[in-house]
PDB file of N, CA and C in Angstrom:
ATOM      1  N   UNK A   1     133.452 229.665   4.665  1.00  0.00           N
ATOM      2  CA  UNK A   1     134.485 230.547   4.182  1.00  0.00           C
ATOM      3  C   UNK A   1     134.955 231.471   5.309  1.00  0.00           C
ATOM      4  N   UNK A   2     133.985 232.007   6.048  1.00  0.00           N
ATOM      5  CA  UNK A   2     134.318 232.933   7.134  1.00  0.00           C
ATOM      6  C   UNK A   2     135.272 232.293   8.118  1.00  0.00           C
ATOM      7  N   UNK A   3     134.934 231.098   8.600  1.00  0.00           N
ATOM      8  CA  UNK A   3     135.765 230.424   9.595  1.00  0.00           C
ATOM      9  C   UNK A   3     137.138 230.092   9.037  1.00  0.00           C
ATOM     10  N   UNK A   4     137.189 229.729   7.762  1.00  0.00           N
ATOM     11  CA  UNK A   4     138.472 229.429   7.131  1.00  0.00           C
ATOM     12  C   UNK A   4     139.378 230.645   7.084  1.00  0.00           C
ATOM     13  N   UNK A   5     138.825 231.780   6.709  1.00  0.00           N
ATOM     14  CA  UNK A   5     139.610 233.028   6.656  1.00  0.00           C
ATOM     15  C   UNK A   5     140.100 233.421   8.037  1.00  0.00           C
ATOM     16  N   UNK A   6     139.241 233.285   9.036  1.00  0.00           N
ATOM     17  CA  UNK A   6     139.637 233.629  10.401  1.00  0.00           C
ATOM     18  C   UNK A   6     140.713 232.682  10.929  1.00  0.00           C
ATOM     19  N   UNK A   7     140.587 231.381  10.629  1.00  0.00           N
ATOM     20  CA  UNK A   7     141.526 230.408  11.180  1.00  0.00           C
ATOM     21  C   UNK A   7     142.931 230.537  10.600  1.00  0.00           C
ATOM     22  N   UNK A   8     143.071 231.043   9.389  1.00  0.00           N
ATOM     23  CA  UNK A   8     144.404 231.207   8.795  1.00  0.00           C
ATOM     24  C   UNK A   8     144.874 232.659   8.861  1.00  0.00           C
ATOM     25  N   UNK A   9     144.213 233.450   9.683  1.00  0.00           N
ATOM     26  CA  UNK A   9     144.576 234.852   9.919  1.00  0.00           C
ATOM     27  C   UNK A   9     144.613 235.693   8.646  1.00  0.00           C
ATOM     28  N   UNK A  10     143.682 235.458   7.738  1.00  0.00           N
ATOM     29  CA  UNK A  10     143.585 236.274   6.527  1.00  0.00           C
ATOM     30  C   UNK A  10     142.734 237.518   6.762  1.00  0.00           C
ATOM     31  N   UNK A  11     141.954 237.523   7.812  1.00  0.00           N
ATOM     32  CA  UNK A  11     141.194 238.702   8.225  1.00  0.00           C
ATOM     33  C   UNK A  11     141.351 238.843   9.730  1.00  0.00           C
ATOM     34  N   UNK A  12     141.410 240.079  10.217  1.00  0.00           N
ATOM     35  CA  UNK A  12     141.608 240.263  11.658  1.00  0.00           C
ATOM     36  C   UNK A  12     140.323 239.986  12.438  1.00  0.00           C
ATOM     37  N   UNK A  13     139.199 240.418  11.879  1.00  0.00           N
ATOM     38  CA  UNK A  13     137.900 240.162  12.501  1.00  0.00           C
ATOM     39  C   UNK A  13     136.846 240.360  11.426  1.00  0.00           C
ATOM     40  N   UNK A  14     135.924 239.464  11.326  1.00  0.00           N
ATOM     41  CA  UNK A  14     134.935 239.504  10.258  1.00  0.00           C
ATOM     42  C   UNK A  14     134.048 240.734  10.396  1.00  0.00           C
ATOM     43  N   UNK A  15     133.966 241.539   9.333  1.00  0.00           N
ATOM     44  CA  UNK A  15     133.047 242.670   9.302  1.00  0.00           C
ATOM     45  C   UNK A  15     133.613 244.002   9.758  1.00  0.00           C
ATOM     46  N   UNK A  16     134.805 244.037  10.337  1.00  0.00           N
ATOM     47  CA  UNK A  16     135.335 245.305  10.835  1.00  0.00           C
ATOM     48  C   UNK A  16     135.859 246.197   9.718  1.00  0.00           C
ATOM     49  N   UNK A  17     136.175 245.634   8.571  1.00  0.00           N
ATOM     50  CA  UNK A  17     136.697 246.427   7.453  1.00  0.00           C
ATOM     51  C   UNK A  17     135.718 247.495   7.008  1.00  0.00           C
ATOM     52  N   UNK A  18     134.444 247.153   6.961  1.00  0.00           N
ATOM     53  CA  UNK A  18     133.416 248.120   6.562  1.00  0.00           C
ATOM     54  C   UNK A  18     133.403 249.312   7.504  1.00  0.00           C
ATOM     55  N   UNK A  19     133.507 249.024   8.776  1.00  0.00           N
ATOM     56  CA  UNK A  19     133.474 250.080   9.784  1.00  0.00           C
ATOM     57  C   UNK A  19     134.694 250.989   9.629  1.00  0.00           C
ATOM     58  N   UNK A  20     135.865 250.390   9.418  1.00  0.00           N
ATOM     59  CA  UNK A  20     137.093 251.175   9.276  1.00  0.00           C
ATOM     60  C   UNK A  20     137.048 252.039   8.018  1.00  0.00           C
ATOM     61  N   UNK A  21     136.600 251.460   6.911  1.00  0.00           N
ATOM     62  CA  UNK A  21     136.520 252.219   5.658  1.00  0.00           C
ATOM     63  C   UNK A  21     135.550 253.377   5.810  1.00  0.00           C
ATOM     64  N   UNK A  22     134.401 253.113   6.403  1.00  0.00           N
ATOM     65  CA  UNK A  22     133.397 254.161   6.575  1.00  0.00           C
ATOM     66  C   UNK A  22     133.924 255.296   7.455  1.00  0.00           C
ATOM     67  N   UNK A  23     134.652 254.972   8.507  1.00  0.00           N
ATOM     68  CA  UNK A  23     135.179 256.029   9.374  1.00  0.00           C
ATOM     69  C   UNK A  23     136.271 256.831   8.662  1.00  0.00           C
ATOM     70  N   UNK A  24     137.093 256.181   7.830  1.00  0.00           N
ATOM     71  CA  UNK A  24     138.129 256.901   7.083  1.00  0.00           C
ATOM     72  C   UNK A  24     137.523 257.841   6.047  1.00  0.00           C
ATOM     73  N   UNK A  25     136.349 257.486   5.528  1.00  0.00           N
ATOM     74  CA  UNK A  25     135.711 258.323   4.514  1.00  0.00           C
ATOM     75  C   UNK A  25     135.238 259.663   5.073  1.00  0.00           C
ATOM     76  N   UNK A  26     135.222 259.816   6.385  1.00  0.00           N
ATOM     77  CA  UNK A  26     134.878 261.108   6.979  1.00  0.00           C
ATOM     78  C   UNK A  26     135.861 262.183   6.542  1.00  0.00           C
ATOM     79  N   UNK A  27     137.083 261.777   6.202  1.00  0.00           N
ATOM     80  CA  UNK A  27     138.105 262.721   5.756  1.00  0.00           C
ATOM     81  C   UNK A  27     137.963 263.063   4.276  1.00  0.00           C
ATOM     82  N   UNK A  28     137.058 262.396   3.586  1.00  0.00           N
ATOM     83  CA  UNK A  28     136.822 262.617   2.153  1.00  0.00           C
ATOM     84  C   UNK A  28     135.336 262.889   1.933  1.00  0.00           C
ATOM     85  N   UNK A  29     134.895 264.119   2.195  1.00  0.00           N
ATOM     86  CA  UNK A  29     133.462 264.413   2.157  1.00  0.00           C
ATOM     87  C   UNK A  29     132.819 264.276   0.776  1.00  0.00           C
ATOM     88  N   UNK A  30     133.615 264.200  -0.279  1.00  0.00           N
ATOM     89  CA  UNK A  30     133.024 264.078  -1.612  1.00  0.00           C
ATOM     90  C   UNK A  30     132.940 262.619  -2.074  1.00  0.00           C
ATOM     91  N   UNK A  31     133.264 261.665  -1.195  1.00  0.00           N
ATOM     92  CA  UNK A  31     133.143 260.246  -1.542  1.00  0.00           C
ATOM     93  C   UNK A  31     132.180 259.584  -0.566  1.00  0.00           C
ATOM     94  N   UNK A  32     131.281 258.800  -1.125  1.00  0.00           N
ATOM     95  CA  UNK A  32     130.255 258.151  -0.328  1.00  0.00           C
ATOM     96  C   UNK A  32     130.376 256.635  -0.498  1.00  0.00           C
ATOM     97  N   UNK A  33     130.135 255.901   0.552  1.00  0.00           N
ATOM     98  CA  UNK A  33     130.182 254.444   0.530  1.00  0.00           C
ATOM     99  C   UNK A  33     128.761 253.908   0.406  1.00  0.00           C
ATOM    100  N   UNK A  34     128.532 253.088  -0.620  1.00  0.00           N
ATOM    101  CA  UNK A  34     127.231 252.430  -0.787  1.00  0.00           C
ATOM    102  C   UNK A  34     127.420 250.940  -0.590  1.00  0.00           C
ATOM    103  N   UNK A  35     126.616 250.349   0.258  1.00  0.00           N
ATOM    104  CA  UNK A  35     126.686 248.908   0.505  1.00  0.00           C
ATOM    105  C   UNK A  35     125.339 248.302   0.156  1.00  0.00           C
ATOM    106  N   UNK A  36     125.344 247.389  -0.811  1.00  0.00           N
ATOM    107  CA  UNK A  36     124.145 246.646  -1.192  1.00  0.00           C
ATOM    108  C   UNK A  36     124.360 245.200  -0.784  1.00  0.00           C
ATOM    109  N   UNK A  37     123.517 244.721   0.113  1.00  0.00           N
ATOM    110  CA  UNK A  37     123.704 243.386   0.676  1.00  0.00           C
ATOM    111  C   UNK A  37     122.457 242.555   0.411  1.00  0.00           C
ATOM    112  N   UNK A  38     122.641 241.393  -0.197  1.00  0.00           N
ATOM    113  CA  UNK A  38     121.543 240.428  -0.290  1.00  0.00           C
ATOM    114  C   UNK A  38     122.056 239.087   0.210  1.00  0.00           C
ATOM    115  N   UNK A  39     121.271 238.068   0.122  1.00  0.00           N
ATOM    116  CA  UNK A  39     121.637 236.788   0.726  1.00  0.00           C
ATOM    117  C   UNK A  39     122.828 236.112   0.047  1.00  0.00           C
ATOM    118  N   UNK A  40     123.140 236.475  -1.203  1.00  0.00           N
ATOM    119  CA  UNK A  40     124.215 235.797  -1.918  1.00  0.00           C
ATOM    120  C   UNK A  40     125.548 236.534  -1.909  1.00  0.00           C
ATOM    121  N   UNK A  41     125.531 237.841  -1.869  1.00  0.00           N
ATOM    122  CA  UNK A  41     126.778 238.596  -1.926  1.00  0.00           C
ATOM    123  C   UNK A  41     126.578 240.009  -1.373  1.00  0.00           C
ATOM    124  N   UNK A  42     127.697 240.678  -1.145  1.00  0.00           N
ATOM    125  CA  UNK A  42     127.683 242.074  -0.710  1.00  0.00           C
ATOM    126  C   UNK A  42     128.417 242.886  -1.758  1.00  0.00           C
ATOM    127  N   UNK A  43     127.796 243.941  -2.225  1.00  0.00           N
ATOM    128  CA  UNK A  43     128.403 244.827  -3.217  1.00  0.00           C
ATOM    129  C   UNK A  43     128.737 246.148  -2.545  1.00  0.00           C
ATOM    130  N   UNK A  44     129.991 246.578  -2.732  1.00  0.00           N
ATOM    131  CA  UNK A  44     130.453 247.830  -2.153  1.00  0.00           C
ATOM    132  C   UNK A  44     130.840 248.763  -3.284  1.00  0.00           C
ATOM    133  N   UNK A  45     130.349 250.002  -3.215  1.00  0.00           N
ATOM    134  CA  UNK A  45     130.681 251.004  -4.235  1.00  0.00           C
ATOM    135  C   UNK A  45     131.147 252.275  -3.557  1.00  0.00           C
ATOM    136  N   UNK A  46     132.175 252.887  -4.130  1.00  0.00           N
ATOM    137  CA  UNK A  46     132.611 254.204  -3.706  1.00  0.00           C
ATOM    138  C   UNK A  46     132.086 255.170  -4.748  1.00  0.00           C
ATOM    139  N   UNK A  47     131.254 256.101  -4.331  1.00  0.00           N
ATOM    140  CA  UNK A  47     130.600 257.023  -5.247  1.00  0.00           C
ATOM    141  C   UNK A  47     131.105 258.428  -4.972  1.00  0.00           C
ATOM    142  N   UNK A  48     131.599 259.075  -6.018  1.00  0.00           N
ATOM    143  CA  UNK A  48     132.072 260.446  -5.873  1.00  0.00           C
ATOM    144  C   UNK A  48     130.881 261.384  -6.007  1.00  0.00           C
ATOM    145  N   UNK A  49     130.665 262.184  -4.968  1.00  0.00           N
ATOM    146  CA  UNK A  49     129.580 263.156  -5.004  1.00  0.00           C
ATOM    147  C   UNK A  49     129.983 264.302  -5.905  1.00  0.00           C
ATOM    148  N   UNK A  50     129.010 264.868  -6.556  1.00  0.00           N
ATOM    149  CA  UNK A  50     129.280 266.025  -7.401  1.00  0.00           C
ATOM    150  C   UNK A  50     129.570 267.227  -6.515  1.00  0.00           C
ATOM    151  N   UNK A  51     130.655 267.902  -6.796  1.00  0.00           N
ATOM    152  CA  UNK A  51     131.049 269.056  -6.006  1.00  0.00           C
ATOM    153  C   UNK A  51     130.685 270.331  -6.748  1.00  0.00           C
ATOM    154  N   UNK A  52     129.946 271.181  -6.079  1.00  0.00           N
ATOM    155  CA  UNK A  52     129.564 272.455  -6.686  1.00  0.00           C
ATOM    156  C   UNK A  52     130.606 273.512  -6.339  1.00  0.00           C
ATOM    157  N   UNK A  53     130.563 274.612  -7.027  1.00  0.00           N
ATOM    158  CA  UNK A  53     131.475 275.713  -6.749  1.00  0.00           C
ATOM    159  C   UNK A  53     131.257 276.231  -5.330  1.00  0.00           C
ATOM    160  N   UNK A  54     130.024 276.249  -4.902  1.00  0.00           N
ATOM    161  CA  UNK A  54     129.711 276.713  -3.550  1.00  0.00           C
ATOM    162  C   UNK A  54     130.325 275.786  -2.499  1.00  0.00           C
ATOM    163  N   UNK A  55     130.250 274.476  -2.722  1.00  0.00           N
ATOM    164  CA  UNK A  55     130.846 273.515  -1.793  1.00  0.00           C
ATOM    165  C   UNK A  55     132.344 273.715  -1.709  1.00  0.00           C
ATOM    166  N   UNK A  56     132.985 273.928  -2.852  1.00  0.00           N
ATOM    167  CA  UNK A  56     134.425 274.164  -2.887  1.00  0.00           C
ATOM    168  C   UNK A  56     134.781 275.412  -2.091  1.00  0.00           C
ATOM    169  N   UNK A  57     134.007 276.474  -2.250  1.00  0.00           N
ATOM    170  CA  UNK A  57     134.247 277.705  -1.499  1.00  0.00           C
ATOM    171  C   UNK A  57     134.115 277.465   0.003  1.00  0.00           C
ATOM    172  N   UNK A  58     133.134 276.664   0.396  1.00  0.00           N
ATOM    173  CA  UNK A  58     132.933 276.353   1.814  1.00  0.00           C
ATOM    174  C   UNK A  58     134.127 275.582   2.374  1.00  0.00           C
ATOM    175  N   UNK A  59     134.621 274.606   1.607  1.00  0.00           N
ATOM    176  CA  UNK A  59     135.769 273.820   2.062  1.00  0.00           C
ATOM    177  C   UNK A  59     137.013 274.698   2.186  1.00  0.00           C
ATOM    178  N   UNK A  60     137.242 275.575   1.218  1.00  0.00           N
ATOM    179  CA  UNK A  60     138.389 276.479   1.280  1.00  0.00           C
ATOM    180  C   UNK A  60     138.285 277.417   2.482  1.00  0.00           C
ATOM    181  N   UNK A  61     137.102 277.949   2.719  1.00  0.00           N
ATOM    182  CA  UNK A  61     136.890 278.839   3.860  1.00  0.00           C
ATOM    183  C   UNK A  61     137.177 278.113   5.178  1.00  0.00           C
ATOM    184  N   UNK A  62     136.749 276.873   5.260  1.00  0.00           N
ATOM    185  CA  UNK A  62     136.985 276.071   6.460  1.00  0.00           C
ATOM    186  C   UNK A  62     138.483 275.829   6.669  1.00  0.00           C
ATOM    187  N   UNK A  63     139.180 275.488   5.600  1.00  0.00           N
ATOM    188  CA  UNK A  63     140.624 275.246   5.698  1.00  0.00           C
ATOM    189  C   UNK A  63     141.383 276.519   6.057  1.00  0.00           C
ATOM    190  N   UNK A  64     140.952 277.658   5.523  1.00  0.00           N
ATOM    191  CA  UNK A  64     141.583 278.940   5.865  1.00  0.00           C
ATOM    192  C   UNK A  64     141.347 279.265   7.343  1.00  0.00           C
ATOM    193  N   UNK A  65     140.130 279.074   7.804  1.00  0.00           N
ATOM    194  CA  UNK A  65     139.782 279.369   9.196  1.00  0.00           C
ATOM    195  C   UNK A  65     140.598 278.511  10.164  1.00  0.00           C
ATOM    196  N   UNK A  66     140.881 277.263   9.764  1.00  0.00           N
ATOM    197  CA  UNK A  66     141.660 276.349  10.603  1.00  0.00           C
ATOM    198  C   UNK A  66     143.166 276.549  10.423  1.00  0.00           C
ATOM    199  N   UNK A  67     143.563 277.581   9.660  1.00  0.00           N
ATOM    200  CA  UNK A  67     144.975 277.875   9.371  1.00  0.00           C
ATOM    201  C   UNK A  67     145.709 276.680   8.759  1.00  0.00           C
ATOM    202  N   UNK A  68     145.026 275.991   7.842  1.00  0.00           N
ATOM    203  CA  UNK A  68     145.645 274.872   7.154  1.00  0.00           C
ATOM    204  C   UNK A  68     146.141 275.266   5.764  1.00  0.00           C
ATOM    205  N   UNK A  69     145.564 276.336   5.196  1.00  0.00           N
ATOM    206  CA  UNK A  69     145.994 276.828   3.894  1.00  0.00           C
ATOM    207  C   UNK A  69     146.010 278.349   3.903  1.00  0.00           C
ATOM    208  N   UNK A  70     146.769 278.913   2.961  1.00  0.00           N
ATOM    209  CA  UNK A  70     146.735 280.361   2.762  1.00  0.00           C
ATOM    210  C   UNK A  70     146.890 280.637   1.271  1.00  0.00           C
ATOM    211  N   UNK A  71     146.348 281.742   0.848  1.00  0.00           N
ATOM    212  CA  UNK A  71     146.429 282.141  -0.556  1.00  0.00           C
ATOM    213  C   UNK A  71     147.722 282.909  -0.779  1.00  0.00           C
ATOM    214  N   UNK A  72     148.464 282.526  -1.808  1.00  0.00           N
ATOM    215  CA  UNK A  72     149.701 283.215  -2.179  1.00  0.00           C
ATOM    216  C   UNK A  72     149.501 283.767  -3.579  1.00  0.00           C
ATOM    217  N   UNK A  73     149.668 285.079  -3.739  1.00  0.00           N
ATOM    218  CA  UNK A  73     149.509 285.694  -5.047  1.00  0.00           C
ATOM    219  C   UNK A  73     148.077 286.085  -5.335  1.00  0.00           C
ATOM    220  N   UNK A  74     147.859 286.446  -6.581  1.00  0.00           N
ATOM    221  CA  UNK A  74     146.542 286.950  -6.985  1.00  0.00           C
ATOM    222  C   UNK A  74     145.553 285.809  -7.214  1.00  0.00           C
ATOM    223  N   UNK A  75     144.294 286.197  -7.354  1.00  0.00           N
ATOM    224  CA  UNK A  75     143.239 285.221  -7.616  1.00  0.00           C
ATOM    225  C   UNK A  75     143.480 284.486  -8.940  1.00  0.00           C
ATOM    226  N   UNK A  76     143.959 285.201  -9.910  1.00  0.00           N
ATOM    227  CA  UNK A  76     144.124 284.623 -11.242  1.00  0.00           C
ATOM    228  C   UNK A  76     145.395 283.785 -11.377  1.00  0.00           C
ATOM    229  N   UNK A  77     146.512 284.270 -10.839  1.00  0.00           N
ATOM    230  CA  UNK A  77     147.774 283.567 -11.069  1.00  0.00           C
ATOM    231  C   UNK A  77     148.397 283.001  -9.792  1.00  0.00           C
ATOM    232  N   UNK A  78     147.710 283.122  -8.664  1.00  0.00           N
ATOM    233  CA  UNK A  78     148.243 282.633  -7.399  1.00  0.00           C
ATOM    234  C   UNK A  78     147.955 281.156  -7.183  1.00  0.00           C
ATOM    235  N   UNK A  79     148.233 280.707  -5.950  1.00  0.00           N
ATOM    236  CA  UNK A  79     148.011 279.308  -5.607  1.00  0.00           C
ATOM    237  C   UNK A  79     147.708 279.204  -4.113  1.00  0.00           C
ATOM    238  N   UNK A  80     147.226 278.027  -3.709  1.00  0.00           N
ATOM    239  CA  UNK A  80     146.965 277.760  -2.295  1.00  0.00           C
ATOM    240  C   UNK A  80     148.177 277.053  -1.711  1.00  0.00           C
ATOM    241  N   UNK A  81     148.684 277.576  -0.606  1.00  0.00           N
ATOM    242  CA  UNK A  81     149.831 276.986   0.078  1.00  0.00           C
ATOM    243  C   UNK A  81     149.329 276.220   1.294  1.00  0.00           C
ATOM    244  N   UNK A  82     149.767 274.972   1.427  1.00  0.00           N
ATOM    245  CA  UNK A  82     149.404 274.157   2.589  1.00  0.00           C
ATOM    246  C   UNK A  82     150.349 274.509   3.729  1.00  0.00           C
ATOM    247  N   UNK A  83     149.780 274.875   4.860  1.00  0.00           N
ATOM    248  CA  UNK A  83     150.572 275.289   6.020  1.00  0.00           C
ATOM    249  C   UNK A  83     150.850 274.083   6.910  1.00  0.00           C
ATOM    250  N   UNK A  84     152.070 273.979   7.380  1.00  0.00           N
ATOM    251  CA  UNK A  84     152.450 272.890   8.281  1.00  0.00           C
ATOM    252  C   UNK A  84     152.273 273.367   9.697  1.00  0.00           C
ATOM    253  N   UNK A  85     151.496 272.616  10.455  1.00  0.00           N
ATOM    254  CA  UNK A  85     151.241 272.985  11.862  1.00  0.00           C
ATOM    255  C   UNK A  85     151.967 272.062  12.785  1.00  0.00           C
TER     256      UNK A  85
END
């Protein structure tokens, strides 16, 4: 199957997709990639990590420090504005 897929250009290179997906997930810290591999098949799962209020506060603080977001209005009725850099 592998050679057939490669010969008809259905995949660019065998196995590189996992590497690309895993590197892209660095931008999504609340999603984790699980790979279960046995001799018959490979199972891939995207698992959403549970986000705590503390984690959310840390992410917001990081985005504010990097000047990517700013708070507009009050805590109760305001919103987060995404800043264009």
